[in-house]
Amino acid sequence: MADRFPEGFLWGGATAANQCEGGYDLDGRGPSLIDLIPAGPDRMAVMKGEKSYRDVPADARFPSRFGIDHYRRWKEDVALFAEMGFKCYRFSIAWTRIFPTGEDETPNEAGLRFYDGLIDALLAHGIQPLVTLCHFDLPVALLERYGGWKSRRTIDAFLRYCRVVLERYRGKVKYWLTFNEINMLMHLPFGGAGAVFEPGEDPDKVKYQIAHHELVASALAVRLAHQIDPANQVGCMLAGGTYYPWSCDPEDVFAAIGQDHVNYFFSDVQVRGRYAPYAVKMMARRHPADGGRRRPGPAGRMSPAPRRPPAPPEKPTALPCSAARLPQAKGGLFGVRGRRPPARRAYRCGSGSACAGCPRSGGWRRRCRGCPRR
């Protein structure tokens, strides 16, 4: 293993417009999705879509509207980045600084000038900009007019915004991301993508329709970026970790695979340009009459449910060899639940070596001294 980072390694940091800029009412910026999310007890309910943003009290505090005042203090912020030795800085462009309503006839020049100055300052300090095109950002006007990403019209508005910034910063910015943590719409539907569930709507259908529209928009934005500048490098951003099976039991292995598919559903489409076979099978099983040719809809099953019933709710004192345990929440994208081993199987490994059945062992090994399963 090399004892140093390779030449040209992009060491840096990251922010988002909704986290740091503030200045929500300055220089023509329009209201954005994130401006509607309050602090306090209603925050998670609004982000999950359990409570409508329309029902939030007018006197609530909305932290994203003020951020850390980066909009007015960006020069000293960039100087601090340089002092820290940044070689790369990831930030997002606020969609509503460029198109306040999403469908304006011309872009907002004041908003573009802000990013002109920021990008030029970064380059002057030897810091490569890495720009996220959409970081939990959506013009409220599109949300009110069309339901946001429920409508394909939002795809058109997004691509128009992308074209403006991609052409504006051609030759200055070569690293781009389309959507930040695109899969978060499954966990925080409103906070991640502005999903609003109207009476009578199936929340799963709404989320997967939005997912399809965002994935189409991402693919078209990637194509547009390469058309405008072949040197552009465009990536995707995913929020997720890896699931490890509790044991070598096939039911546990397939349960972990099913949970991984919850996240891979999004990245597979962005990387491969099509829905993965497991997603197509899921649709076919959910909609057998049309052969699964429908767009992503509500969650189905990827593999059979475990044959054995869930274990009692007692929690073990520790996990075998620090192996991660599947979440207690039911299902997931494919309705797969990991088997819950009874508490008597729990043990602590004091030797530091891999044990039989540990997912990190690479196979069966002699059990550790003191293991109650010896």
Protein backbone atom coordinates (compact mmCIF):
# COMPACT_ATOMS: atom_id res chain seq x y z
CA MET A 1 0.00 0.00 0.00
CA ALA A 2 1.28 3.46 -0.90
CA ASP A 3 2.34 5.59 2.04
CA ARG A 4 1.11 8.82 0.49
CA PHE A 5 -1.78 10.15 -1.51
CA PRO A 6 -1.30 10.06 -5.30
CA GLU A 7 -0.33 13.17 -7.18
CA GLY A 8 -3.39 15.26 -8.00
CA PHE A 9 -5.55 13.75 -5.25
CA LEU A 10 -8.52 16.07 -4.70
CA TRP A 11 -8.43 16.74 -0.99
CA GLY A 12 -11.16 19.11 0.10
CA GLY A 13 -14.59 19.64 1.59
CA ALA A 14 -18.21 20.05 0.66
CA THR A 15 -21.26 22.17 1.35
CA ALA A 16 -24.65 22.80 -0.24
CA ALA A 17 -26.35 26.04 -1.14
CA ASN A 18 -29.23 25.28 1.20
CA GLN A 19 -26.83 24.64 4.08
CA CYS A 20 -24.59 27.65 3.91
CA GLU A 21 -25.60 30.41 1.50
CA GLY A 22 -28.49 32.11 3.25
CA GLY A 23 -29.58 35.28 1.47
CA TYR A 24 -32.87 33.66 0.52
CA ASP A 25 -34.41 37.02 -0.40
CA LEU A 26 -31.38 38.70 -1.98
CA ASP A 27 -30.71 39.58 -5.63
CA GLY A 28 -33.79 37.98 -7.11
CA ARG A 29 -33.50 34.49 -5.63
CA GLY A 30 -36.83 32.68 -5.60
CA PRO A 31 -38.27 30.47 -2.84
CA SER A 32 -36.92 26.93 -2.83
CA LEU A 33 -38.12 23.62 -1.46
CA ILE A 34 -35.66 23.66 1.43
CA ASP A 35 -36.90 27.10 2.53
CA LEU A 36 -40.18 25.44 3.57
CA ILE A 37 -38.66 23.01 6.08
CA PRO A 38 -38.80 24.33 9.65
CA ALA A 39 -36.62 23.71 12.65
CA GLY A 40 -38.17 22.21 15.75
CA PRO A 41 -40.68 19.41 16.33
CA ASP A 42 -42.29 19.62 12.88
CA ARG A 43 -39.04 19.27 10.94
CA MET A 44 -38.94 15.50 10.43
CA ALA A 45 -42.68 15.25 9.88
CA VAL A 46 -42.45 17.77 7.03
CA MET A 47 -39.34 16.15 5.53
CA LYS A 48 -41.01 12.73 5.57
CA GLY A 49 -44.18 14.11 4.00
CA GLU A 50 -46.24 13.23 7.07
CA LYS A 51 -47.19 16.87 7.55
CA SER A 52 -47.81 19.37 4.78
CA TYR A 53 -45.53 22.36 4.57
CA ARG A 54 -48.70 24.39 4.19
CA ASP A 55 -49.62 23.56 7.79
CA VAL A 56 -46.39 24.87 9.31
CA PRO A 57 -46.96 27.98 11.46
CA ALA A 58 -45.87 31.20 9.78
CA ASP A 59 -43.74 32.17 12.78
CA ALA A 60 -41.67 28.95 12.64
CA ARG A 61 -37.92 29.21 12.18
CA PHE A 62 -36.56 28.13 8.79
CA PRO A 63 -32.77 27.72 9.17
CA SER A 64 -31.97 27.14 5.50
CA ARG A 65 -33.12 30.64 4.66
CA PHE A 66 -30.16 32.07 6.54
CA GLY A 67 -27.47 29.36 6.52
CA ILE A 68 -24.09 30.75 7.59
CA ASP A 69 -24.22 33.85 5.38
CA HIS A 70 -21.90 32.37 2.78
CA TYR A 71 -23.65 34.45 0.10
CA ARG A 72 -22.10 37.60 1.52
CA ARG A 73 -18.92 36.15 3.06
CA TRP A 74 -17.78 33.79 0.35
CA LYS A 75 -14.46 35.59 -0.23
CA GLU A 76 -13.23 35.02 3.31
CA ASP A 77 -14.63 31.48 3.21
CA VAL A 78 -12.60 30.65 0.10
CA ALA A 79 -9.48 32.14 1.72
CA LEU A 80 -10.02 29.81 4.68
CA PHE A 81 -10.40 26.85 2.32
CA ALA A 82 -7.05 27.71 0.75
CA GLU A 83 -5.46 28.08 4.17
CA MET A 84 -6.68 24.59 5.03
CA GLY A 85 -5.03 23.18 1.92
CA PHE A 86 -8.16 22.39 -0.07
CA LYS A 87 -7.58 21.09 -3.58
CA CYS A 88 -11.27 20.61 -4.28
CA TYR A 89 -14.46 22.21 -3.05
CA ARG A 90 -17.84 20.66 -3.69
CA PHE A 91 -20.79 23.03 -3.57
CA SER A 92 -24.22 23.26 -5.16
CA ILE A 93 -25.76 25.93 -7.31
CA ALA A 94 -29.12 27.13 -6.02
CA TRP A 95 -31.56 26.51 -8.85
CA THR A 96 -33.74 29.42 -7.73
CA ARG A 97 -30.83 31.87 -7.92
CA ILE A 98 -30.68 31.17 -11.65
CA PHE A 99 -34.37 30.64 -12.41
CA PRO A 100 -36.42 31.98 -9.46
CA THR A 101 -39.64 30.29 -10.57
CA GLY A 102 -38.08 27.53 -12.67
CA GLU A 103 -39.73 28.78 -15.85
CA ASP A 104 -38.47 32.36 -16.14
CA GLU A 105 -37.84 33.64 -19.67
CA THR A 106 -34.23 34.57 -18.89
CA PRO A 107 -31.83 33.50 -16.15
CA ASN A 108 -31.17 35.78 -13.19
CA GLU A 109 -27.87 37.49 -14.00
CA ALA A 110 -27.26 38.52 -10.38
CA GLY A 111 -27.32 34.89 -9.32
CA LEU A 112 -24.93 33.89 -12.08
CA ARG A 113 -22.52 36.68 -11.11
CA PHE A 114 -22.36 35.27 -7.58
CA TYR A 115 -21.21 31.89 -8.87
CA ASP A 116 -18.88 33.58 -11.37
CA GLY A 117 -17.03 35.20 -8.47
CA LEU A 118 -17.01 32.06 -6.34
CA ILE A 119 -15.66 29.80 -9.09
CA ASP A 120 -13.03 32.31 -10.20
CA ALA A 121 -11.83 32.71 -6.61
CA LEU A 122 -11.56 28.95 -6.15
CA LEU A 123 -9.52 28.57 -9.33
CA ALA A 124 -7.28 31.46 -8.31
CA HIS A 125 -6.44 29.56 -5.11
CA GLY A 126 -5.79 26.32 -6.98
CA ILE A 127 -9.04 24.71 -5.80
CA GLN A 128 -11.02 22.62 -8.26
CA PRO A 129 -14.78 23.29 -8.10
CA LEU A 130 -17.04 20.25 -8.01
CA VAL A 131 -20.59 21.41 -8.64
CA THR A 132 -23.82 19.69 -7.65
CA LEU A 133 -26.64 20.72 -9.95
CA CYS A 134 -29.46 19.82 -7.57
CA HIS A 135 -28.94 19.41 -3.82
CA PHE A 136 -32.45 19.00 -2.37
CA ASP A 137 -33.39 22.01 -4.43
CA LEU A 138 -36.62 22.72 -6.29
CA PRO A 139 -38.37 26.00 -7.13
CA VAL A 140 -41.51 26.28 -5.03
CA ALA A 141 -43.32 27.62 -8.11
CA LEU A 142 -42.83 24.26 -9.86
CA LEU A 143 -44.00 22.45 -6.76
CA GLU A 144 -47.18 24.51 -6.60
CA ARG A 145 -47.84 24.53 -10.33
CA TYR A 146 -47.07 20.96 -11.37
CA GLY A 147 -46.45 18.99 -8.20
CA GLY A 148 -42.70 19.25 -8.70
CA TRP A 149 -41.06 16.03 -9.85
CA LYS A 150 -44.43 14.33 -10.22
CA SER A 151 -44.59 16.02 -13.62
CA ARG A 152 -42.30 15.59 -16.63
CA ARG A 153 -42.48 19.35 -17.08
CA THR A 154 -40.04 19.64 -14.20
CA ILE A 155 -37.55 17.62 -16.26
CA ASP A 156 -37.71 20.26 -19.00
CA ALA A 157 -37.26 23.08 -16.49
CA PHE A 158 -34.29 21.31 -14.89
CA LEU A 159 -32.55 20.73 -18.23
CA ARG A 160 -32.99 24.38 -19.16
CA TYR A 161 -31.30 25.37 -15.91
CA CYS A 162 -28.54 22.79 -16.49
CA ARG A 163 -27.82 24.11 -19.97
CA VAL A 164 -27.37 27.66 -18.67
CA VAL A 165 -24.84 26.76 -15.96
CA LEU A 166 -23.03 24.12 -18.02
CA GLU A 167 -22.48 26.60 -20.83
CA ARG A 168 -21.62 29.44 -18.45
CA TYR A 169 -18.86 27.48 -16.72
CA ARG A 170 -17.55 25.51 -19.67
CA GLY A 171 -13.77 25.31 -19.32
CA LYS A 172 -13.87 26.36 -15.66
CA VAL A 173 -15.77 23.49 -14.04
CA LYS A 174 -15.16 19.95 -15.21
CA TYR A 175 -16.46 17.95 -12.22
CA TRP A 176 -20.24 17.77 -11.84
CA LEU A 177 -22.86 15.83 -9.92
CA THR A 178 -26.46 15.73 -11.09
CA PHE A 179 -28.45 15.01 -7.89
CA ASN A 180 -27.28 14.85 -4.33
CA GLU A 181 -28.29 11.66 -2.51
CA ILE A 182 -31.01 10.92 -5.04
CA ASN A 183 -32.25 7.93 -3.05
CA MET A 184 -33.14 10.07 -0.03
CA LEU A 185 -36.56 10.65 -1.55
CA MET A 186 -37.40 7.13 -0.33
CA HIS A 187 -36.58 8.08 3.26
CA LEU A 188 -37.40 11.80 3.40
CA PRO A 189 -39.76 12.25 0.44
CA PHE A 190 -40.44 15.95 0.82
CA GLY A 191 -36.98 16.95 2.00
CA GLY A 192 -35.29 14.88 -0.68
CA ALA A 193 -37.46 15.69 -3.69
CA GLY A 194 -40.48 17.76 -2.69
CA ALA A 195 -42.89 14.82 -2.69
CA VAL A 196 -46.34 15.89 -1.50
CA PHE A 197 -48.90 13.16 -0.94
CA GLU A 198 -52.39 14.35 -1.75
CA PRO A 199 -55.47 12.58 -0.36
CA GLY A 200 -56.09 9.32 -2.17
CA GLU A 201 -52.56 9.00 -3.59
CA ASP A 202 -50.44 5.92 -3.01
CA PRO A 203 -47.20 7.22 -1.43
CA ASP A 204 -45.10 4.43 -2.94
CA LYS A 205 -46.39 5.14 -6.44
CA VAL A 206 -45.68 8.84 -5.99
CA LYS A 207 -42.13 8.18 -4.79
CA TYR A 208 -41.27 5.83 -7.64
CA GLN A 209 -42.80 8.10 -10.25
CA ILE A 210 -40.66 10.93 -8.88
CA ALA A 211 -37.64 8.62 -8.86
CA HIS A 212 -38.20 7.79 -12.52
CA HIS A 213 -38.45 11.45 -13.50
CA GLU A 214 -35.32 12.38 -11.55
CA LEU A 215 -33.38 9.48 -13.08
CA VAL A 216 -34.47 10.51 -16.57
CA ALA A 217 -33.47 14.10 -15.80
CA SER A 218 -30.09 12.92 -14.53
CA ALA A 219 -29.41 10.89 -17.66
CA LEU A 220 -30.36 13.76 -19.96
CA ALA A 221 -28.22 16.18 -17.92
CA VAL A 222 -25.21 13.87 -18.26
CA ARG A 223 -25.68 13.71 -22.02
CA LEU A 224 -26.06 17.47 -22.18
CA ALA A 225 -22.90 18.01 -20.12
CA HIS A 226 -20.83 15.89 -22.50
CA GLN A 227 -22.32 17.61 -25.53
CA ILE A 228 -21.41 21.03 -24.18
CA ASP A 229 -17.90 20.03 -23.09
CA PRO A 230 -16.51 16.52 -23.77
CA ALA A 231 -13.99 17.10 -20.97
CA ASN A 232 -16.75 17.22 -18.36
CA GLN A 233 -16.78 14.42 -15.80
CA VAL A 234 -20.25 13.82 -14.38
CA GLY A 235 -21.06 11.56 -11.47
CA CYS A 236 -23.91 10.56 -9.20
CA MET A 237 -24.29 10.83 -5.44
CA LEU A 238 -25.87 8.20 -3.23
CA ALA A 239 -26.63 8.04 0.49
CA GLY A 240 -26.23 4.52 1.79
CA GLY A 241 -24.10 1.92 3.46
CA THR A 242 -23.49 -1.76 2.92
CA TYR A 243 -25.60 -4.39 4.65
CA TYR A 244 -23.93 -7.52 6.01
CA PRO A 245 -25.87 -10.74 6.59
CA TRP A 246 -26.26 -11.89 10.16
CA SER A 247 -24.96 -15.35 9.26
CA CYS A 248 -24.21 -17.62 6.32
CA ASP A 249 -27.82 -18.78 6.27
CA PRO A 250 -29.14 -18.16 2.72
CA GLU A 251 -32.15 -16.34 4.12
CA ASP A 252 -29.89 -13.84 5.86
CA VAL A 253 -27.67 -13.48 2.80
CA PHE A 254 -30.62 -12.77 0.52
CA ALA A 255 -32.15 -10.39 3.05
CA ALA A 256 -28.92 -8.36 3.02
CA ILE A 257 -28.87 -8.38 -0.78
CA GLY A 258 -32.46 -7.15 -0.83
CA GLN A 259 -31.62 -4.28 1.50
CA ASP A 260 -28.63 -3.31 -0.65
CA HIS A 261 -30.95 -3.17 -3.65
CA VAL A 262 -32.87 -0.37 -1.96
CA ASN A 263 -29.86 1.86 -2.64
CA TYR A 264 -28.46 0.16 -5.74
CA PHE A 265 -31.80 0.68 -7.48
CA PHE A 266 -30.76 4.30 -8.03
CA SER A 267 -27.04 4.00 -8.68
CA ASP A 268 -27.45 1.08 -11.09
CA VAL A 269 -29.68 3.18 -13.32
CA GLN A 270 -27.29 6.13 -13.25
CA VAL A 271 -24.19 4.04 -13.90
CA ARG A 272 -25.62 1.56 -16.41
CA GLY A 273 -28.25 3.71 -18.09
CA ARG A 274 -31.10 1.24 -17.57
CA TYR A 275 -33.04 -0.45 -14.80
CA ALA A 276 -31.21 -3.43 -13.36
CA PRO A 277 -32.62 -6.95 -13.87
CA TYR A 278 -33.69 -7.22 -10.24
CA ALA A 279 -35.75 -4.04 -10.63
CA VAL A 280 -37.37 -5.34 -13.83
CA LYS A 281 -38.22 -8.61 -12.07
CA MET A 282 -39.67 -6.68 -9.18
CA MET A 283 -41.98 -4.83 -11.57
CA ALA A 284 -42.95 -8.04 -13.37
CA ARG A 285 -43.93 -9.66 -10.09
CA ARG A 286 -45.81 -6.61 -8.97
CA HIS A 287 -47.60 -6.15 -12.31
CA PRO A 288 -47.74 -9.60 -13.97
CA ALA A 289 -50.48 -8.57 -16.42
CA ASP A 290 -48.19 -6.25 -18.41
CA GLY A 291 -44.94 -8.15 -18.02
CA GLY A 292 -43.45 -5.57 -15.68
CA ARG A 293 -43.09 -2.93 -18.35
CA ARG A 294 -44.49 -0.20 -16.15
CA ARG A 295 -42.44 2.55 -14.64
CA PRO A 296 -41.27 2.07 -11.07
CA GLY A 297 -44.25 1.78 -8.80
CA PRO A 298 -44.85 0.62 -5.25
CA ALA A 299 -42.52 -1.75 -3.53
CA GLY A 300 -42.64 -5.41 -4.48
CA ARG A 301 -40.66 -8.47 -3.47
CA MET A 302 -37.28 -9.40 -4.82
CA SER A 303 -36.92 -12.69 -2.97
CA PRO A 304 -39.22 -14.83 -0.85
CA ALA A 305 -39.92 -13.78 2.69
CA PRO A 306 -38.07 -15.87 5.27
CA ARG A 307 -39.82 -19.12 6.04
CA ARG A 308 -39.27 -18.76 9.75
CA PRO A 309 -41.24 -16.24 11.82
CA PRO A 310 -39.43 -13.26 13.36
CA ALA A 311 -37.61 -13.96 16.59
CA PRO A 312 -38.78 -12.50 19.90
CA PRO A 313 -38.01 -8.80 20.32
CA GLU A 314 -35.19 -9.32 22.85
CA LYS A 315 -32.01 -7.61 21.76
CA PRO A 316 -28.68 -9.43 22.03
CA THR A 317 -25.90 -7.89 24.02
CA ALA A 318 -23.57 -7.66 21.02
CA LEU A 319 -23.24 -8.56 17.38
CA PRO A 320 -20.94 -11.38 16.24
CA CYS A 321 -17.54 -9.93 15.47
CA SER A 322 -19.08 -6.47 15.06
CA ALA A 323 -21.16 -7.61 12.09
CA ALA A 324 -23.86 -5.08 11.25
CA ARG A 325 -27.39 -6.11 12.05
CA LEU A 326 -30.24 -5.54 9.63
CA PRO A 327 -32.59 -2.74 10.69
CA GLN A 328 -35.65 -3.59 12.71
CA ALA A 329 -37.91 -1.64 10.33
CA LYS A 330 -39.84 -3.98 8.10
CA GLY A 331 -39.34 -4.60 4.44
CA GLY A 332 -37.60 -1.94 2.44
CA LEU A 333 -37.81 -1.69 -1.31
CA PHE A 334 -38.31 -5.39 -1.88
CA GLY A 335 -40.19 -6.28 1.27
CA VAL A 336 -37.33 -8.50 2.51
CA ARG A 337 -36.84 -8.89 6.23
CA GLY A 338 -33.73 -10.35 7.77
CA ARG A 339 -34.16 -13.22 10.20
CA ARG A 340 -33.88 -12.04 13.80
CA PRO A 341 -31.72 -14.54 15.67
CA PRO A 342 -32.78 -15.18 19.26
CA ALA A 343 -30.86 -13.47 22.01
CA ARG A 344 -29.08 -16.66 23.03
CA ARG A 345 -27.00 -16.52 19.83
CA ALA A 346 -25.48 -13.20 20.73
CA TYR A 347 -21.91 -13.18 21.95
CA ARG A 348 -18.86 -11.01 22.16
CA CYS A 349 -15.70 -12.01 20.43
CA GLY A 350 -12.79 -11.21 22.70
CA SER A 351 -10.02 -12.64 20.57
CA GLY A 352 -10.29 -10.18 17.71
CA SER A 353 -10.23 -13.00 15.16
CA ALA A 354 -12.99 -14.04 12.80
CA CYS A 355 -15.47 -16.65 14.00
CA ALA A 356 -17.54 -19.29 12.31
CA GLY A 357 -20.44 -17.67 10.54
CA CYS A 358 -18.98 -14.17 10.69
CA PRO A 359 -19.57 -12.43 7.32
CA ARG A 360 -15.99 -11.14 7.43
CA SER A 361 -14.40 -14.55 7.90
CA GLY A 362 -14.52 -15.60 4.27
CA GLY A 363 -15.67 -19.06 5.36
CA TRP A 364 -15.99 -21.32 8.37
CA ARG A 365 -13.17 -21.12 10.90
CA ARG A 366 -12.49 -22.44 14.35
CA ARG A 367 -14.63 -20.63 16.87
CA CYS A 368 -13.03 -18.24 19.27
CA ARG A 369 -12.16 -19.18 22.81
CA GLY A 370 -15.03 -18.38 25.12
CA CYS A 371 -17.63 -18.38 22.37
CA PRO A 372 -20.90 -19.80 23.73
CA ARG A 373 -21.49 -21.45 20.35
CA ARG A 374 -18.36 -23.63 20.59
